[in-house]
């Protein structure tokens, strides 16, 4: 690969896996220029996933999710990732330094801060602070939703063992962080935070709404009946009862502390038809955990 080809590849950071593979191959041939570009690619890919995670955790999703917006959001995430990568003293310099050490290349040939030990580079780099400054901040809706429902979720956690962050995160995903709650006819709240449908065994109130279901991977609008409750506490308790007592969810992973394991096992059990549900749920839970941790830190400092 020539320098011109490397330059062309760098213009498509995080967009083409083939260009990344080409740069990795060239880096293996101990080319300083390719090592720098490979490091930049890796940083761009990392930034793309970070931005995507934050976006999906804060954007409207769940019952009212619009799959048609995914492509535009992904392209925007890609552009942000490209612009934020390759900054002096950033993560790409650290990666390049590590690659150069492994390959026996002199640090000065990379024109980076690789002459310093990698840990020193990381400590002195301001790139992590820059990432935090440029990643999407939690919305007020998200923060308010987590604050509003955490106490109720903690009470149910003590009764059932389901982590409060799992329940609040899933409730946030299902309702678009409280912006798209299921309503009864006339506009009153159904208090149904989890999109639990009303089957033949349900004897309580029912709310009928139009929702998105995936049939053979294709999104379709359907009118469905959902359970209605007298309070949010009732909604949390009914959800916990279903997860812990229904044979359908007997294999849901609640014990290893992994949001992704929980979300994946819940999806496999058939909780939702959206093929991306596990990824969306794990990100919503992680966002909830960050907000809850921040609240605890503030409370302890007062």
C-alpha atoms as a PDB file:
ATOM      1  CA  UNK A   1       0.000   0.000   0.000  1.00  0.00           C
ATOM      2  CA  UNK A   2       1.384   3.390  -0.990  1.00  0.00           C
ATOM      3  CA  UNK A   3       1.237   6.554   1.067  1.00  0.00           C
ATOM      4  CA  UNK A   4      -1.489   7.792  -1.258  1.00  0.00           C
ATOM      5  CA  UNK A   5      -3.545   4.703  -0.563  1.00  0.00           C
ATOM      6  CA  UNK A   6      -3.012   5.118   3.164  1.00  0.00           C
ATOM      7  CA  UNK A   7      -4.193   8.699   2.951  1.00  0.00           C
ATOM      8  CA  UNK A   8      -7.285   7.632   1.010  1.00  0.00           C
ATOM      9  CA  UNK A   9      -8.060   4.992   3.611  1.00  0.00           C
ATOM     10  CA  UNK A  10      -7.767   7.518   6.406  1.00  0.00           C
ATOM     11  CA  UNK A  11     -10.532   9.569   4.799  1.00  0.00           C
ATOM     12  CA  UNK A  12     -12.948   6.686   5.298  1.00  0.00           C
ATOM     13  CA  UNK A  13     -12.210   6.000   8.942  1.00  0.00           C
ATOM     14  CA  UNK A  14     -14.702   3.672  10.666  1.00  0.00           C
ATOM     15  CA  UNK A  15     -16.581   3.215   7.402  1.00  0.00           C
ATOM     16  CA  UNK A  16     -14.908   0.314   5.645  1.00  0.00           C
ATOM     17  CA  UNK A  17     -13.645  -2.847   7.309  1.00  0.00           C
ATOM     18  CA  UNK A  18     -11.614  -3.671   4.201  1.00  0.00           C
ATOM     19  CA  UNK A  19      -9.557  -0.490   4.539  1.00  0.00           C
ATOM     20  CA  UNK A  20      -8.890  -1.368   8.179  1.00  0.00           C
ATOM     21  CA  UNK A  21      -7.706  -4.840   7.203  1.00  0.00           C
ATOM     22  CA  UNK A  22      -5.409  -3.328   4.562  1.00  0.00           C
ATOM     23  CA  UNK A  23      -3.892  -0.973   7.113  1.00  0.00           C
ATOM     24  CA  UNK A  24      -3.385  -3.814   9.582  1.00  0.00           C
ATOM     25  CA  UNK A  25      -1.560  -5.752   6.884  1.00  0.00           C
ATOM     26  CA  UNK A  26       0.655  -2.789   6.079  1.00  0.00           C
ATOM     27  CA  UNK A  27       1.320  -2.184   9.788  1.00  0.00           C
ATOM     28  CA  UNK A  28       2.508  -5.760  10.009  1.00  0.00           C
ATOM     29  CA  UNK A  29       5.164  -4.853   7.464  1.00  0.00           C
ATOM     30  CA  UNK A  30       6.558  -2.263   9.903  1.00  0.00           C
ATOM     31  CA  UNK A  31       5.568   0.854   7.967  1.00  0.00           C
ATOM     32  CA  UNK A  32       5.498   3.834  10.379  1.00  0.00           C
ATOM     33  CA  UNK A  33       2.927   5.668   8.262  1.00  0.00           C
ATOM     34  CA  UNK A  34       0.635   2.642   8.162  1.00  0.00           C
ATOM     35  CA  UNK A  35       1.009   2.115  11.911  1.00  0.00           C
ATOM     36  CA  UNK A  36      -0.166   5.679  12.523  1.00  0.00           C
ATOM     37  CA  UNK A  37      -3.143   5.226  10.198  1.00  0.00           C
ATOM     38  CA  UNK A  38      -3.997   1.845  11.694  1.00  0.00           C
ATOM     39  CA  UNK A  39      -3.973   3.400  15.154  1.00  0.00           C
ATOM     40  CA  UNK A  40      -6.222   6.185  13.907  1.00  0.00           C
ATOM     41  CA  UNK A  41      -8.618   3.607  12.442  1.00  0.00           C
ATOM     42  CA  UNK A  42      -8.825   1.746  15.711  1.00  0.00           C
ATOM     43  CA  UNK A  43      -9.493   4.961  17.604  1.00  0.00           C
ATOM     44  CA  UNK A  44     -12.183   5.914  15.101  1.00  0.00           C
ATOM     45  CA  UNK A  45     -13.884   2.538  15.439  1.00  0.00           C
ATOM     46  CA  UNK A  46     -13.785   2.871  19.214  1.00  0.00           C
ATOM     47  CA  UNK A  47     -15.252   6.370  19.062  1.00  0.00           C
ATOM     48  CA  UNK A  48     -17.980   5.253  16.676  1.00  0.00           C
ATOM     49  CA  UNK A  49     -19.120   2.514  19.048  1.00  0.00           C
ATOM     50  CA  UNK A  50     -18.952   4.883  22.021  1.00  0.00           C
ATOM     51  CA  UNK A  51     -21.056   7.543  20.292  1.00  0.00           C
ATOM     52  CA  UNK A  52     -23.507   4.944  19.002  1.00  0.00           C
ATOM     53  CA  UNK A  53     -23.895   3.518  22.503  1.00  0.00           C
ATOM     54  CA  UNK A  54     -24.595   6.923  24.001  1.00  0.00           C
ATOM     55  CA  UNK A  55     -26.992   7.853  21.185  1.00  0.00           C
ATOM     56  CA  UNK A  56     -29.061   4.679  21.473  1.00  0.00           C
ATOM     57  CA  UNK A  57     -29.208   4.988  25.237  1.00  0.00           C
ATOM     58  CA  UNK A  58     -30.584   8.523  25.069  1.00  0.00           C
ATOM     59  CA  UNK A  59     -32.705   8.473  21.909  1.00  0.00           C
ATOM     60  CA  UNK A  60     -36.372   7.488  21.713  1.00  0.00           C
ATOM     61  CA  UNK A  61     -36.701   3.728  21.486  1.00  0.00           C
ATOM     62  CA  UNK A  62     -38.871   0.833  22.488  1.00  0.00           C
ATOM     63  CA  UNK A  63     -42.542   0.660  21.509  1.00  0.00           C
ATOM     64  CA  UNK A  64     -42.391   3.838  19.448  1.00  0.00           C
ATOM     65  CA  UNK A  65     -38.977   3.217  17.897  1.00  0.00           C
ATOM     66  CA  UNK A  66     -38.595   4.130  14.244  1.00  0.00           C
ATOM     67  CA  UNK A  67     -36.184   1.766  12.464  1.00  0.00           C
ATOM     68  CA  UNK A  68     -36.071   4.091   9.475  1.00  0.00           C
ATOM     69  CA  UNK A  69     -33.873   6.518  11.412  1.00  0.00           C
ATOM     70  CA  UNK A  70     -31.092   3.979  12.070  1.00  0.00           C
ATOM     71  CA  UNK A  71     -29.166   4.609   8.824  1.00  0.00           C
ATOM     72  CA  UNK A  72     -29.053   8.379   9.252  1.00  0.00           C
ATOM     73  CA  UNK A  73     -27.947   8.092  12.869  1.00  0.00           C
ATOM     74  CA  UNK A  74     -25.243   5.601  11.954  1.00  0.00           C
ATOM     75  CA  UNK A  75     -23.854   7.887   9.252  1.00  0.00           C
ATOM     76  CA  UNK A  76     -23.842  10.833  11.664  1.00  0.00           C
ATOM     77  CA  UNK A  77     -22.053   8.738  14.288  1.00  0.00           C
ATOM     78  CA  UNK A  78     -19.465   7.824  11.662  1.00  0.00           C
ATOM     79  CA  UNK A  79     -18.819  11.476  10.792  1.00  0.00           C
ATOM     80  CA  UNK A  80     -18.389  12.409  14.454  1.00  0.00           C
ATOM     81  CA  UNK A  81     -15.996   9.489  14.958  1.00  0.00           C
ATOM     82  CA  UNK A  82     -13.837  10.586  12.041  1.00  0.00           C
ATOM     83  CA  UNK A  83     -13.622  14.188  13.289  1.00  0.00           C
ATOM     84  CA  UNK A  84     -12.766  13.199  16.850  1.00  0.00           C
ATOM     85  CA  UNK A  85     -10.016  10.706  15.960  1.00  0.00           C
ATOM     86  CA  UNK A  86      -6.325  11.256  15.382  1.00  0.00           C
ATOM     87  CA  UNK A  87      -5.942  14.208  17.748  1.00  0.00           C
ATOM     88  CA  UNK A  88      -2.382  14.848  19.064  1.00  0.00           C
ATOM     89  CA  UNK A  89      -1.803  13.073  22.349  1.00  0.00           C
ATOM     90  CA  UNK A  90      -4.966  11.039  21.920  1.00  0.00           C
ATOM     91  CA  UNK A  91      -5.749   7.351  21.974  1.00  0.00           C
ATOM     92  CA  UNK A  92      -4.328   6.775  18.488  1.00  0.00           C
ATOM     93  CA  UNK A  93      -0.886   7.927  19.687  1.00  0.00           C
ATOM     94  CA  UNK A  94      -1.058   5.398  22.515  1.00  0.00           C
ATOM     95  CA  UNK A  95      -2.022   2.597  20.121  1.00  0.00           C
ATOM     96  CA  UNK A  96       0.735   3.584  17.702  1.00  0.00           C
ATOM     97  CA  UNK A  97       3.258   3.607  20.546  1.00  0.00           C
ATOM     98  CA  UNK A  98       2.288   0.102  21.584  1.00  0.00           C
ATOM     99  CA  UNK A  99       2.427  -1.190  18.009  1.00  0.00           C
ATOM    100  CA  UNK A 100       5.839   0.373  17.459  1.00  0.00           C
ATOM    101  CA  UNK A 101       7.232  -1.212  20.607  1.00  0.00           C
ATOM    102  CA  UNK A 102       5.954  -4.622  19.560  1.00  0.00           C
ATOM    103  CA  UNK A 103       7.504  -4.254  16.099  1.00  0.00           C
ATOM    104  CA  UNK A 104      10.797  -2.732  17.224  1.00  0.00           C
ATOM    105  CA  UNK A 105      10.258   0.572  15.409  1.00  0.00           C
ATOM    106  CA  UNK A 106      11.994   3.634  16.802  1.00  0.00           C
ATOM    107  CA  UNK A 107       9.466   5.975  18.425  1.00  0.00           C
ATOM    108  CA  UNK A 108      10.775   9.077  16.684  1.00  0.00           C
ATOM    109  CA  UNK A 109       9.944   7.579  13.271  1.00  0.00           C
ATOM    110  CA  UNK A 110       6.241   7.719  14.176  1.00  0.00           C
ATOM    111  CA  UNK A 111       6.301  11.411  15.091  1.00  0.00           C
ATOM    112  CA  UNK A 112       4.045  10.755  18.105  1.00  0.00           C
ATOM    113  CA  UNK A 113       4.506  10.712  21.853  1.00  0.00           C
ATOM    114  CA  UNK A 114       5.553   7.071  21.647  1.00  0.00           C
ATOM    115  CA  UNK A 115       8.954   7.891  23.175  1.00  0.00           C
ATOM    116  CA  UNK A 116       7.177   7.956  26.531  1.00  0.00           C
ATOM    117  CA  UNK A 117       6.024   4.737  28.202  1.00  0.00           C
ATOM    118  CA  UNK A 118       2.410   3.920  27.183  1.00  0.00           C
ATOM    119  CA  UNK A 119       1.014   4.411  30.700  1.00  0.00           C
ATOM    120  CA  UNK A 120       2.676   7.810  30.928  1.00  0.00           C
ATOM    121  CA  UNK A 121       1.170   8.772  27.591  1.00  0.00           C
ATOM    122  CA  UNK A 122      -2.251   7.710  28.795  1.00  0.00           C
ATOM    123  CA  UNK A 123      -1.956   9.624  32.076  1.00  0.00           C
ATOM    124  CA  UNK A 124      -0.766  12.801  30.404  1.00  0.00           C
ATOM    125  CA  UNK A 125      -3.174  12.600  27.461  1.00  0.00           C
ATOM    126  CA  UNK A 126      -6.237  14.810  27.515  1.00  0.00           C
ATOM    127  CA  UNK A 127      -8.040  12.639  24.961  1.00  0.00           C
ATOM    128  CA  UNK A 128     -10.275  10.897  27.504  1.00  0.00           C
ATOM    129  CA  UNK A 129     -11.478  14.251  28.786  1.00  0.00           C
ATOM    130  CA  UNK A 130     -12.083  15.291  25.190  1.00  0.00           C
ATOM    131  CA  UNK A 131     -14.173  12.171  24.607  1.00  0.00           C
ATOM    132  CA  UNK A 132     -16.342  12.953  27.602  1.00  0.00           C
ATOM    133  CA  UNK A 133     -16.769  16.534  26.431  1.00  0.00           C
ATOM    134  CA  UNK A 134     -17.868  15.472  22.947  1.00  0.00           C
ATOM    135  CA  UNK A 135     -20.086  12.490  23.732  1.00  0.00           C
ATOM    136  CA  UNK A 136     -23.834  13.088  24.133  1.00  0.00           C
ATOM    137  CA  UNK A 137     -24.834  14.055  27.645  1.00  0.00           C
ATOM    138  CA  UNK A 138     -27.810  12.385  29.360  1.00  0.00           C
ATOM    139  CA  UNK A 139     -30.983  14.228  28.487  1.00  0.00           C
ATOM    140  CA  UNK A 140     -33.127  15.827  31.151  1.00  0.00           C
ATOM    141  CA  UNK A 141     -35.854  13.307  30.308  1.00  0.00           C
ATOM    142  CA  UNK A 142     -33.458  10.448  30.934  1.00  0.00           C
ATOM    143  CA  UNK A 143     -32.118  11.874  34.177  1.00  0.00           C
ATOM    144  CA  UNK A 144     -35.603  12.700  35.466  1.00  0.00           C
ATOM    145  CA  UNK A 145     -36.913   9.262  34.553  1.00  0.00           C
ATOM    146  CA  UNK A 146     -34.127   7.447  36.396  1.00  0.00           C
ATOM    147  CA  UNK A 147     -34.515   9.674  39.449  1.00  0.00           C
ATOM    148  CA  UNK A 148     -38.288   9.235  39.446  1.00  0.00           C
ATOM    149  CA  UNK A 149     -38.370   5.437  39.304  1.00  0.00           C
ATOM    150  CA  UNK A 150     -35.213   4.274  41.066  1.00  0.00           C
ATOM    151  CA  UNK A 151     -36.752   4.152  44.565  1.00  0.00           C
ATOM    152  CA  UNK A 152     -39.616   1.933  43.432  1.00  0.00           C
ATOM    153  CA  UNK A 153     -37.202  -0.320  41.556  1.00  0.00           C
ATOM    154  CA  UNK A 154     -34.986  -0.643  44.641  1.00  0.00           C
ATOM    155  CA  UNK A 155     -37.987  -1.787  46.686  1.00  0.00           C
ATOM    156  CA  UNK A 156     -38.772  -4.469  44.105  1.00  0.00           C
ATOM    157  CA  UNK A 157     -35.099  -5.471  43.916  1.00  0.00           C
ATOM    158  CA  UNK A 158     -35.142  -6.225  47.639  1.00  0.00           C
ATOM    159  CA  UNK A 159     -38.189  -8.446  47.140  1.00  0.00           C
ATOM    160  CA  UNK A 160     -37.134 -10.266  43.981  1.00  0.00           C
ATOM    161  CA  UNK A 161     -33.398  -9.855  43.422  1.00  0.00           C
ATOM    162  CA  UNK A 162     -33.790  -8.216  40.010  1.00  0.00           C
ATOM    163  CA  UNK A 163     -31.286  -5.313  39.903  1.00  0.00           C
ATOM    164  CA  UNK A 164     -33.005  -1.944  40.056  1.00  0.00           C
ATOM    165  CA  UNK A 165     -30.881  -0.633  37.185  1.00  0.00           C
ATOM    166  CA  UNK A 166     -32.104  -3.463  34.943  1.00  0.00           C
ATOM    167  CA  UNK A 167     -35.730  -2.606  35.604  1.00  0.00           C
ATOM    168  CA  UNK A 168     -35.360   1.162  35.303  1.00  0.00           C
ATOM    169  CA  UNK A 169     -33.231   0.814  32.166  1.00  0.00           C
ATOM    170  CA  UNK A 170     -35.782  -1.446  30.512  1.00  0.00           C
ATOM    171  CA  UNK A 171     -38.632   0.834  31.538  1.00  0.00           C
ATOM    172  CA  UNK A 172     -36.703   3.741  30.010  1.00  0.00           C
ATOM    173  CA  UNK A 173     -36.169   1.850  26.778  1.00  0.00           C
ATOM    174  CA  UNK A 174     -39.793   0.784  26.503  1.00  0.00           C
ATOM    175  CA  UNK A 175     -41.199   4.263  27.125  1.00  0.00           C
ATOM    176  CA  UNK A 176     -38.591   6.482  25.470  1.00  0.00           C
ATOM    177  CA  UNK A 177     -37.548   7.593  28.980  1.00  0.00           C
ATOM    178  CA  UNK A 178     -41.111   8.434  29.921  1.00  0.00           C
ATOM    179  CA  UNK A 179     -42.022  10.316  26.756  1.00  0.00           C
ATOM    180  CA  UNK A 180     -44.104   7.559  25.176  1.00  0.00           C
ATOM    181  CA  UNK A 181     -45.917   5.808  27.974  1.00  0.00           C
ATOM    182  CA  UNK A 182     -48.911   3.670  27.095  1.00  0.00           C
ATOM    183  CA  UNK A 183     -52.113   5.646  27.637  1.00  0.00           C
ATOM    184  CA  UNK A 184     -55.668   4.585  28.351  1.00  0.00           C
ATOM    185  CA  UNK A 185     -58.484   5.862  26.214  1.00  0.00           C
ATOM    186  CA  UNK A 186     -58.948   9.453  27.310  1.00  0.00           C
ATOM    187  CA  UNK A 187     -55.247  10.041  27.946  1.00  0.00           C
ATOM    188  CA  UNK A 188     -54.788   8.696  31.471  1.00  0.00           C
ATOM    189  CA  UNK A 189     -51.607   6.745  32.178  1.00  0.00           C
ATOM    190  CA  UNK A 190     -51.742   2.952  32.159  1.00  0.00           C
ATOM    191  CA  UNK A 191     -48.595   2.950  34.349  1.00  0.00           C
ATOM    192  CA  UNK A 192     -47.338   0.145  32.076  1.00  0.00           C
ATOM    193  CA  UNK A 193     -43.616   0.886  31.845  1.00  0.00           C
ATOM    194  CA  UNK A 194     -42.567  -2.454  30.343  1.00  0.00           C
ATOM    195  CA  UNK A 195     -44.853  -2.972  27.377  1.00  0.00           C
ATOM    196  CA  UNK A 196     -46.446  -6.051  28.957  1.00  0.00           C
ATOM    197  CA  UNK A 197     -49.363  -7.201  26.835  1.00  0.00           C
ATOM    198  CA  UNK A 198     -52.752  -8.249  28.177  1.00  0.00           C
ATOM    199  CA  UNK A 199     -53.320 -11.897  27.360  1.00  0.00           C
ATOM    200  CA  UNK A 200     -56.402 -13.966  28.067  1.00  0.00           C
ATOM    201  CA  UNK A 201     -55.311 -14.496  31.680  1.00  0.00           C
ATOM    202  CA  UNK A 202     -55.243 -10.775  32.446  1.00  0.00           C
ATOM    203  CA  UNK A 203     -58.367  -9.629  34.311  1.00  0.00           C
ATOM    204  CA  UNK A 204     -57.467  -5.996  34.900  1.00  0.00           C
ATOM    205  CA  UNK A 205     -57.823  -2.842  32.818  1.00  0.00           C
ATOM    206  CA  UNK A 206     -56.538  -2.805  29.246  1.00  0.00           C
ATOM    207  CA  UNK A 207     -55.008  -0.103  27.024  1.00  0.00           C
ATOM    208  CA  UNK A 208     -55.101  -0.513  23.243  1.00  0.00           C
ATOM    209  CA  UNK A 209     -52.339   1.211  21.267  1.00  0.00           C
ATOM    210  CA  UNK A 210     -50.584   0.923  17.932  1.00  0.00           C
ATOM    211  CA  UNK A 211     -47.117  -0.554  18.317  1.00  0.00           C
ATOM    212  CA  UNK A 212     -44.233  -1.760  16.167  1.00  0.00           C
ATOM    213  CA  UNK A 213     -43.699  -5.503  15.909  1.00  0.00           C
ATOM    214  CA  UNK A 214     -41.065  -7.316  13.860  1.00  0.00           C
ATOM    215  CA  UNK A 215     -42.358 -10.194  11.755  1.00  0.00           C
ATOM    216  CA  UNK A 216     -39.570 -12.149  10.055  1.00  0.00           C
ATOM    217  CA  UNK A 217     -37.308  -9.171  10.661  1.00  0.00           C
ATOM    218  CA  UNK A 218     -39.699  -6.658   9.061  1.00  0.00           C
ATOM    219  CA  UNK A 219     -41.209  -3.862  11.170  1.00  0.00           C
ATOM    220  CA  UNK A 220     -44.998  -3.763  11.092  1.00  0.00           C
ATOM    221  CA  UNK A 221     -47.558  -1.571  12.838  1.00  0.00           C
ATOM    222  CA  UNK A 222     -50.149  -3.467  14.872  1.00  0.00           C
ATOM    223  CA  UNK A 223     -52.866  -2.622  17.365  1.00  0.00           C
ATOM    224  CA  UNK A 224     -52.235  -4.515  20.600  1.00  0.00           C
ATOM    225  CA  UNK A 225     -53.749  -4.733  24.075  1.00  0.00           C
ATOM    226  CA  UNK A 226     -51.532  -3.887  27.057  1.00  0.00           C
ATOM    227  CA  UNK A 227     -52.003  -4.284  30.787  1.00  0.00           C
ATOM    228  CA  UNK A 228     -52.996  -1.222  32.801  1.00  0.00           C
ATOM    229  CA  UNK A 229     -52.128  -0.728  36.489  1.00  0.00           C
ATOM    230  CA  UNK A 230     -53.081   1.523  39.355  1.00  0.00           C
ATOM    231  CA  UNK A 231     -49.536   2.769  39.996  1.00  0.00           C
ATOM    232  CA  UNK A 232     -45.930   2.460  38.865  1.00  0.00           C
ATOM    233  CA  UNK A 233     -45.212   0.258  41.867  1.00  0.00           C
ATOM    234  CA  UNK A 234     -47.800  -2.214  40.588  1.00  0.00           C
ATOM    235  CA  UNK A 235     -46.115  -2.152  37.179  1.00  0.00           C
ATOM    236  CA  UNK A 236     -42.671  -2.908  38.623  1.00  0.00           C
ATOM    237  CA  UNK A 237     -44.079  -5.676  40.829  1.00  0.00           C
ATOM    238  CA  UNK A 238     -45.996  -7.308  37.956  1.00  0.00           C
ATOM    239  CA  UNK A 239     -42.923  -7.179  35.727  1.00  0.00           C
ATOM    240  CA  UNK A 240     -40.763  -8.748  38.449  1.00  0.00           C
ATOM    241  CA  UNK A 241     -43.364 -11.444  39.057  1.00  0.00           C
ATOM    242  CA  UNK A 242     -43.396 -12.315  35.375  1.00  0.00           C
ATOM    243  CA  UNK A 243     -39.597 -12.459  35.068  1.00  0.00           C
ATOM    244  CA  UNK A 244     -39.077 -14.540  38.199  1.00  0.00           C
ATOM    245  CA  UNK A 245     -42.113 -16.837  38.039  1.00  0.00           C
ATOM    246  CA  UNK A 246     -42.990 -17.409  34.395  1.00  0.00           C
ATOM    247  CA  UNK A 247     -41.416 -20.579  32.902  1.00  0.00           C
ATOM    248  CA  UNK A 248     -40.821 -18.591  29.735  1.00  0.00           C
ATOM    249  CA  UNK A 249     -38.191 -16.473  31.491  1.00  0.00           C
ATOM    250  CA  UNK A 250     -36.677 -19.199  33.650  1.00  0.00           C
ATOM    251  CA  UNK A 251     -33.311 -18.891  31.886  1.00  0.00           C
ATOM    252  CA  UNK A 252     -33.016 -15.109  32.093  1.00  0.00           C
ATOM    253  CA  UNK A 253     -29.575 -14.280  33.481  1.00  0.00           C
ATOM    254  CA  UNK A 254     -29.918 -12.166  36.642  1.00  0.00           C
ATOM    255  CA  UNK A 255     -26.872 -13.283  38.582  1.00  0.00           C
ATOM    256  CA  UNK A 256     -23.606 -12.496  36.777  1.00  0.00           C
ATOM    257  CA  UNK A 257     -23.914  -8.699  36.886  1.00  0.00           C
ATOM    258  CA  UNK A 258     -23.769  -8.281  33.108  1.00  0.00           C
ATOM    259  CA  UNK A 259     -26.328  -6.010  31.485  1.00  0.00           C
ATOM    260  CA  UNK A 260     -25.628  -7.601  28.104  1.00  0.00           C
ATOM    261  CA  UNK A 261     -26.078 -11.142  29.452  1.00  0.00           C
ATOM    262  CA  UNK A 262     -29.399 -10.149  31.011  1.00  0.00           C
ATOM    263  CA  UNK A 263     -30.576  -8.353  27.876  1.00  0.00           C
ATOM    264  CA  UNK A 264     -29.522 -11.182  25.568  1.00  0.00           C
ATOM    265  CA  UNK A 265     -31.159 -13.902  27.647  1.00  0.00           C
ATOM    266  CA  UNK A 266     -34.346 -11.828  27.963  1.00  0.00           C
ATOM    267  CA  UNK A 267     -34.459 -11.324  24.212  1.00  0.00           C
ATOM    268  CA  UNK A 268     -33.869 -15.023  23.549  1.00  0.00           C
ATOM    269  CA  UNK A 269     -36.784 -15.813  25.843  1.00  0.00           C
ATOM    270  CA  UNK A 270     -38.979 -13.807  23.485  1.00  0.00           C
ATOM    271  CA  UNK A 271     -39.576 -10.601  25.428  1.00  0.00           C
ATOM    272  CA  UNK A 272     -39.458  -8.439  22.293  1.00  0.00           C
ATOM    273  CA  UNK A 273     -39.435  -8.980  18.525  1.00  0.00           C
ATOM    274  CA  UNK A 274     -36.966  -6.211  17.673  1.00  0.00           C
ATOM    275  CA  UNK A 275     -33.772  -7.980  16.475  1.00  0.00           C
ATOM    276  CA  UNK A 276     -31.680  -5.201  18.058  1.00  0.00           C
ATOM    277  CA  UNK A 277     -33.505  -5.315  21.384  1.00  0.00           C
ATOM    278  CA  UNK A 278     -30.656  -6.877  23.378  1.00  0.00           C
ATOM    279  CA  UNK A 279     -28.169  -4.210  22.274  1.00  0.00           C
ATOM    280  CA  UNK A 280     -30.609  -1.375  22.937  1.00  0.00           C
ATOM    281  CA  UNK A 281     -31.560  -2.747  26.337  1.00  0.00           C
ATOM    282  CA  UNK A 282     -27.986  -3.280  27.517  1.00  0.00           C
ATOM    283  CA  UNK A 283     -27.105   0.299  26.550  1.00  0.00           C
ATOM    284  CA  UNK A 284     -30.171   1.671  28.333  1.00  0.00           C
ATOM    285  CA  UNK A 285     -29.240  -0.282  31.464  1.00  0.00           C
ATOM    286  CA  UNK A 286     -25.643   0.953  31.336  1.00  0.00           C
ATOM    287  CA  UNK A 287     -26.859   4.543  30.953  1.00  0.00           C
ATOM    288  CA  UNK A 288     -29.141   4.032  33.953  1.00  0.00           C
ATOM    289  CA  UNK A 289     -26.287   2.640  36.018  1.00  0.00           C
ATOM    290  CA  UNK A 290     -24.107   5.663  35.219  1.00  0.00           C
ATOM    291  CA  UNK A 291     -26.880   8.045  36.266  1.00  0.00           C
ATOM    292  CA  UNK A 292     -27.589   6.102  39.455  1.00  0.00           C
ATOM    293  CA  UNK A 293     -23.897   6.053  40.340  1.00  0.00           C
ATOM    294  CA  UNK A 294     -23.642   9.780  39.768  1.00  0.00           C
ATOM    295  CA  UNK A 295     -26.638  10.342  42.041  1.00  0.00           C
ATOM    296  CA  UNK A 296     -25.035   8.217  44.765  1.00  0.00           C
ATOM    297  CA  UNK A 297     -21.791  10.185  44.537  1.00  0.00           C
ATOM    298  CA  UNK A 298     -23.639  13.477  44.851  1.00  0.00           C
ATOM    299  CA  UNK A 299     -25.676  12.174  47.792  1.00  0.00           C
ATOM    300  CA  UNK A 300     -22.568  10.974  49.626  1.00  0.00           C
ATOM    301  CA  UNK A 301     -20.798  14.288  49.078  1.00  0.00           C
ATOM    302  CA  UNK A 302     -23.589  16.334  50.618  1.00  0.00           C
END
